[in-house]
Amino acid sequence: QVQLVESGGGLVQAGGSLRLSCAASGRTFSSYAMGWFRQAPGKEREFVAAISWNGLHTYYADSVKGRFTISRDNAKNTVYLQMNSLVPEDTAVYYCAATATSDSGSLYVNQYDYDYWGQGTQVTVSS
């Protein structure tokens, strides 16, 4: 069992930056692939970014590529999402997710591949 707690959300003006954190507790964090997803009002939850448990592989949605960076610190049991050049379309509740994997280089973009989810943190970008 893994518990995930997101933090770092808030209100920011367009063009600004935020860094989200997701702290994990429970089982061995370093054996979990991690992902960030978001859900805007009236829309389905969508993939944002993913990282393998060895941290060497990352993948991004086209809408955030070049603006967002996912990273992890296994010693701190934490995964991060650095968000730069934010636009109003980035407004959503952001969720981190974890899934156990025996392959250190694997990552996942499908939300149904993830077993554990945080409660979410609100990000609001004003124009």
C-alpha atoms as a PDB file:
ATOM      1  CA  GLN A   1       0.000   0.000   0.000  1.00  0.00           C
ATOM      2  CA  VAL A   2       1.251   3.477  -0.906  1.00  0.00           C
ATOM      3  CA  GLN A   3      -0.188   6.747   0.319  1.00  0.00           C
ATOM      4  CA  LEU A   4       0.300   9.814  -1.859  1.00  0.00           C
ATOM      5  CA  VAL A   5      -0.104  13.432  -0.796  1.00  0.00           C
ATOM      6  CA  GLU A   6       0.184  16.268  -3.296  1.00  0.00           C
ATOM      7  CA  SER A   7       1.114  19.842  -2.433  1.00  0.00           C
ATOM      8  CA  GLY A   8       2.223  23.034  -4.121  1.00  0.00           C
ATOM      9  CA  GLY A   9      -0.911  23.988  -5.988  1.00  0.00           C
ATOM     10  CA  GLY A  10      -2.326  27.487  -5.963  1.00  0.00           C
ATOM     11  CA  LEU A  11      -3.280  30.538  -7.971  1.00  0.00           C
ATOM     12  CA  VAL A  12      -0.774  31.931 -10.440  1.00  0.00           C
ATOM     13  CA  GLN A  13      -0.878  34.388 -13.326  1.00  0.00           C
ATOM     14  CA  ALA A  14      -0.380  33.260 -16.872  1.00  0.00           C
ATOM     15  CA  GLY A  15       3.303  32.944 -17.638  1.00  0.00           C
ATOM     16  CA  GLY A  16       4.121  32.038 -14.064  1.00  0.00           C
ATOM     17  CA  SER A  17       5.477  28.878 -12.509  1.00  0.00           C
ATOM     18  CA  LEU A  18       4.545  26.383  -9.826  1.00  0.00           C
ATOM     19  CA  ARG A  19       6.204  23.255  -8.499  1.00  0.00           C
ATOM     20  CA  LEU A  20       3.992  20.438  -7.357  1.00  0.00           C
ATOM     21  CA  SER A  21       5.240  17.799  -4.956  1.00  0.00           C
ATOM     22  CA  CYS A  22       3.892  14.357  -4.256  1.00  0.00           C
ATOM     23  CA  ALA A  23       5.099  12.708  -1.066  1.00  0.00           C
ATOM     24  CA  ALA A  24       4.753   8.960  -0.825  1.00  0.00           C
ATOM     25  CA  SER A  25       4.658   6.755   2.227  1.00  0.00           C
ATOM     26  CA  GLY A  26       4.240   3.065   2.701  1.00  0.00           C
ATOM     27  CA  ARG A  27       5.952   0.540   0.506  1.00  0.00           C
ATOM     28  CA  THR A  28       9.327   1.035  -1.178  1.00  0.00           C
ATOM     29  CA  PHE A  29       8.880   4.183  -3.249  1.00  0.00           C
ATOM     30  CA  SER A  30      11.779   3.475  -5.543  1.00  0.00           C
ATOM     31  CA  SER A  31      10.048   0.453  -7.078  1.00  0.00           C
ATOM     32  CA  TYR A  32       7.069   2.493  -8.260  1.00  0.00           C
ATOM     33  CA  ALA A  33       6.651   4.236 -11.584  1.00  0.00           C
ATOM     34  CA  MET A  34       4.968   7.591 -11.054  1.00  0.00           C
ATOM     35  CA  GLY A  35       2.722   9.840 -13.050  1.00  0.00           C
ATOM     36  CA  TRP A  36       0.912  13.149 -12.951  1.00  0.00           C
ATOM     37  CA  PHE A  37      -2.599  13.583 -14.292  1.00  0.00           C
ATOM     38  CA  ARG A  38      -5.020  16.483 -14.258  1.00  0.00           C
ATOM     39  CA  GLN A  39      -8.737  17.039 -14.470  1.00  0.00           C
ATOM     40  CA  ALA A  40     -10.312  20.311 -15.471  1.00  0.00           C
ATOM     41  CA  PRO A  41     -13.956  21.137 -14.665  1.00  0.00           C
ATOM     42  CA  GLY A  42     -16.301  19.275 -16.977  1.00  0.00           C
ATOM     43  CA  LYS A  43     -13.487  17.283 -18.564  1.00  0.00           C
ATOM     44  CA  GLU A  44     -12.079  13.812 -18.151  1.00  0.00           C
ATOM     45  CA  ARG A  45      -8.863  13.214 -16.304  1.00  0.00           C
ATOM     46  CA  GLU A  46      -5.886  13.390 -18.658  1.00  0.00           C
ATOM     47  CA  PHE A  47      -2.278  12.334 -18.625  1.00  0.00           C
ATOM     48  CA  VAL A  48       0.354  15.007 -17.981  1.00  0.00           C
ATOM     49  CA  ALA A  49       3.725  13.340 -17.337  1.00  0.00           C
ATOM     50  CA  ALA A  50       5.279  10.070 -16.215  1.00  0.00           C
ATOM     51  CA  ILE A  51       8.628   8.926 -14.868  1.00  0.00           C
ATOM     52  CA  SER A  52      10.205   5.518 -14.425  1.00  0.00           C
ATOM     53  CA  TRP A  53      11.271   4.398 -10.992  1.00  0.00           C
ATOM     54  CA  ASN A  54      14.949   4.770 -11.845  1.00  0.00           C
ATOM     55  CA  GLY A  55      14.219   8.335 -12.936  1.00  0.00           C
ATOM     56  CA  LEU A  56      15.975   7.892 -16.271  1.00  0.00           C
ATOM     57  CA  HIS A  57      12.880   7.857 -18.452  1.00  0.00           C
ATOM     58  CA  THR A  58      10.209  10.514 -18.705  1.00  0.00           C
ATOM     59  CA  TYR A  59       7.289  11.164 -21.001  1.00  0.00           C
ATOM     60  CA  TYR A  60       5.002  14.157 -21.453  1.00  0.00           C
ATOM     61  CA  ALA A  61       1.691  15.025 -22.983  1.00  0.00           C
ATOM     62  CA  ASP A  62       2.127  17.188 -26.052  1.00  0.00           C
ATOM     63  CA  SER A  63       0.248  20.011 -24.363  1.00  0.00           C
ATOM     64  CA  VAL A  64       2.900  20.387 -21.644  1.00  0.00           C
ATOM     65  CA  LYS A  65       6.066  19.286 -23.433  1.00  0.00           C
ATOM     66  CA  GLY A  66       8.786  21.882 -23.107  1.00  0.00           C
ATOM     67  CA  ARG A  67       6.999  23.645 -20.233  1.00  0.00           C
ATOM     68  CA  PHE A  68       6.659  20.970 -17.536  1.00  0.00           C
ATOM     69  CA  THR A  69       9.352  18.770 -16.026  1.00  0.00           C
ATOM     70  CA  ILE A  70       8.763  15.662 -13.951  1.00  0.00           C
ATOM     71  CA  SER A  71      11.463  14.463 -11.572  1.00  0.00           C
ATOM     72  CA  ARG A  72      11.824  12.318  -8.500  1.00  0.00           C
ATOM     73  CA  ASP A  73      13.986  11.978  -5.427  1.00  0.00           C
ATOM     74  CA  ASN A  74      13.794   8.391  -4.237  1.00  0.00           C
ATOM     75  CA  ALA A  75      15.711   9.217  -1.071  1.00  0.00           C
ATOM     76  CA  LYS A  76      12.924  11.635  -0.140  1.00  0.00           C
ATOM     77  CA  ASN A  77      10.080   9.488  -1.480  1.00  0.00           C
ATOM     78  CA  THR A  78       8.921  12.440  -3.519  1.00  0.00           C
ATOM     79  CA  VAL A  79       8.047  13.145  -7.127  1.00  0.00           C
ATOM     80  CA  TYR A  80       7.873  16.673  -8.499  1.00  0.00           C
ATOM     81  CA  LEU A  81       6.210  18.478 -11.361  1.00  0.00           C
ATOM     82  CA  GLN A  82       7.848  21.766 -12.275  1.00  0.00           C
ATOM     83  CA  MET A  83       5.387  23.806 -14.318  1.00  0.00           C
ATOM     84  CA  ASN A  84       6.623  26.839 -16.218  1.00  0.00           C
ATOM     85  CA  SER A  85       4.997  29.217 -18.703  1.00  0.00           C
ATOM     86  CA  LEU A  86       1.601  28.349 -17.319  1.00  0.00           C
ATOM     87  CA  VAL A  87      -1.492  29.171 -19.361  1.00  0.00           C
ATOM     88  CA  PRO A  88      -5.156  29.302 -18.289  1.00  0.00           C
ATOM     89  CA  GLU A  89      -5.731  25.962 -20.018  1.00  0.00           C
ATOM     90  CA  ASP A  90      -3.487  24.366 -17.383  1.00  0.00           C
ATOM     91  CA  THR A  91      -6.115  25.098 -14.730  1.00  0.00           C
ATOM     92  CA  ALA A  92      -7.146  21.784 -13.189  1.00  0.00           C
ATOM     93  CA  VAL A  93      -6.877  19.542 -10.190  1.00  0.00           C
ATOM     94  CA  TYR A  94      -3.541  17.758 -10.462  1.00  0.00           C
ATOM     95  CA  TYR A  95      -3.160  14.200  -9.207  1.00  0.00           C
ATOM     96  CA  CYS A  96      -0.103  12.069  -8.721  1.00  0.00           C
ATOM     97  CA  ALA A  97      -0.305   8.337  -9.183  1.00  0.00           C
ATOM     98  CA  ALA A  98       1.901   5.317  -8.518  1.00  0.00           C
ATOM     99  CA  THR A  99       2.152   1.807  -9.810  1.00  0.00           C
ATOM    100  CA  ALA A 100       4.484  -0.991  -8.774  1.00  0.00           C
ATOM    101  CA  THR A 101       6.768  -2.349 -11.449  1.00  0.00           C
ATOM    102  CA  SER A 102       9.697  -4.733 -11.601  1.00  0.00           C
ATOM    103  CA  ASP A 103      11.144  -2.892 -14.605  1.00  0.00           C
ATOM    104  CA  SER A 104      13.161   0.118 -13.495  1.00  0.00           C
ATOM    105  CA  GLY A 105      12.814   1.754 -16.893  1.00  0.00           C
ATOM    106  CA  SER A 106       9.087   1.390 -17.440  1.00  0.00           C
ATOM    107  CA  LEU A 107       6.642   4.258 -17.327  1.00  0.00           C
ATOM    108  CA  TYR A 108       2.908   4.438 -17.958  1.00  0.00           C
ATOM    109  CA  VAL A 109       0.631   6.967 -19.606  1.00  0.00           C
ATOM    110  CA  ASN A 110      -2.693   5.191 -19.137  1.00  0.00           C
ATOM    111  CA  GLN A 111      -4.438   6.094 -15.893  1.00  0.00           C
ATOM    112  CA  TYR A 112      -5.783   2.547 -15.609  1.00  0.00           C
ATOM    113  CA  ASP A 113      -2.229   1.252 -15.201  1.00  0.00           C
ATOM    114  CA  TYR A 114      -1.914   3.103 -11.899  1.00  0.00           C
ATOM    115  CA  ASP A 115      -2.903   1.521  -8.599  1.00  0.00           C
ATOM    116  CA  TYR A 116      -2.556   4.407  -6.154  1.00  0.00           C
ATOM    117  CA  TRP A 117      -3.732   7.993  -6.332  1.00  0.00           C
ATOM    118  CA  GLY A 118      -3.401  11.115  -4.271  1.00  0.00           C
ATOM    119  CA  GLN A 119      -6.257  13.423  -3.354  1.00  0.00           C
ATOM    120  CA  GLY A 120      -5.218  16.108  -5.806  1.00  0.00           C
ATOM    121  CA  THR A 121      -4.108  19.717  -5.605  1.00  0.00           C
ATOM    122  CA  GLN A 122      -5.800  22.625  -7.344  1.00  0.00           C
ATOM    123  CA  VAL A 123      -3.876  24.708  -9.856  1.00  0.00           C
ATOM    124  CA  THR A 124      -5.548  27.848 -11.144  1.00  0.00           C
ATOM    125  CA  VAL A 125      -3.946  30.007 -13.820  1.00  0.00           C
ATOM    126  CA  SER A 126      -5.444  33.451 -14.307  1.00  0.00           C
ATOM    127  CA  SER A 127      -5.223  35.336 -17.587  1.00  0.00           C
END
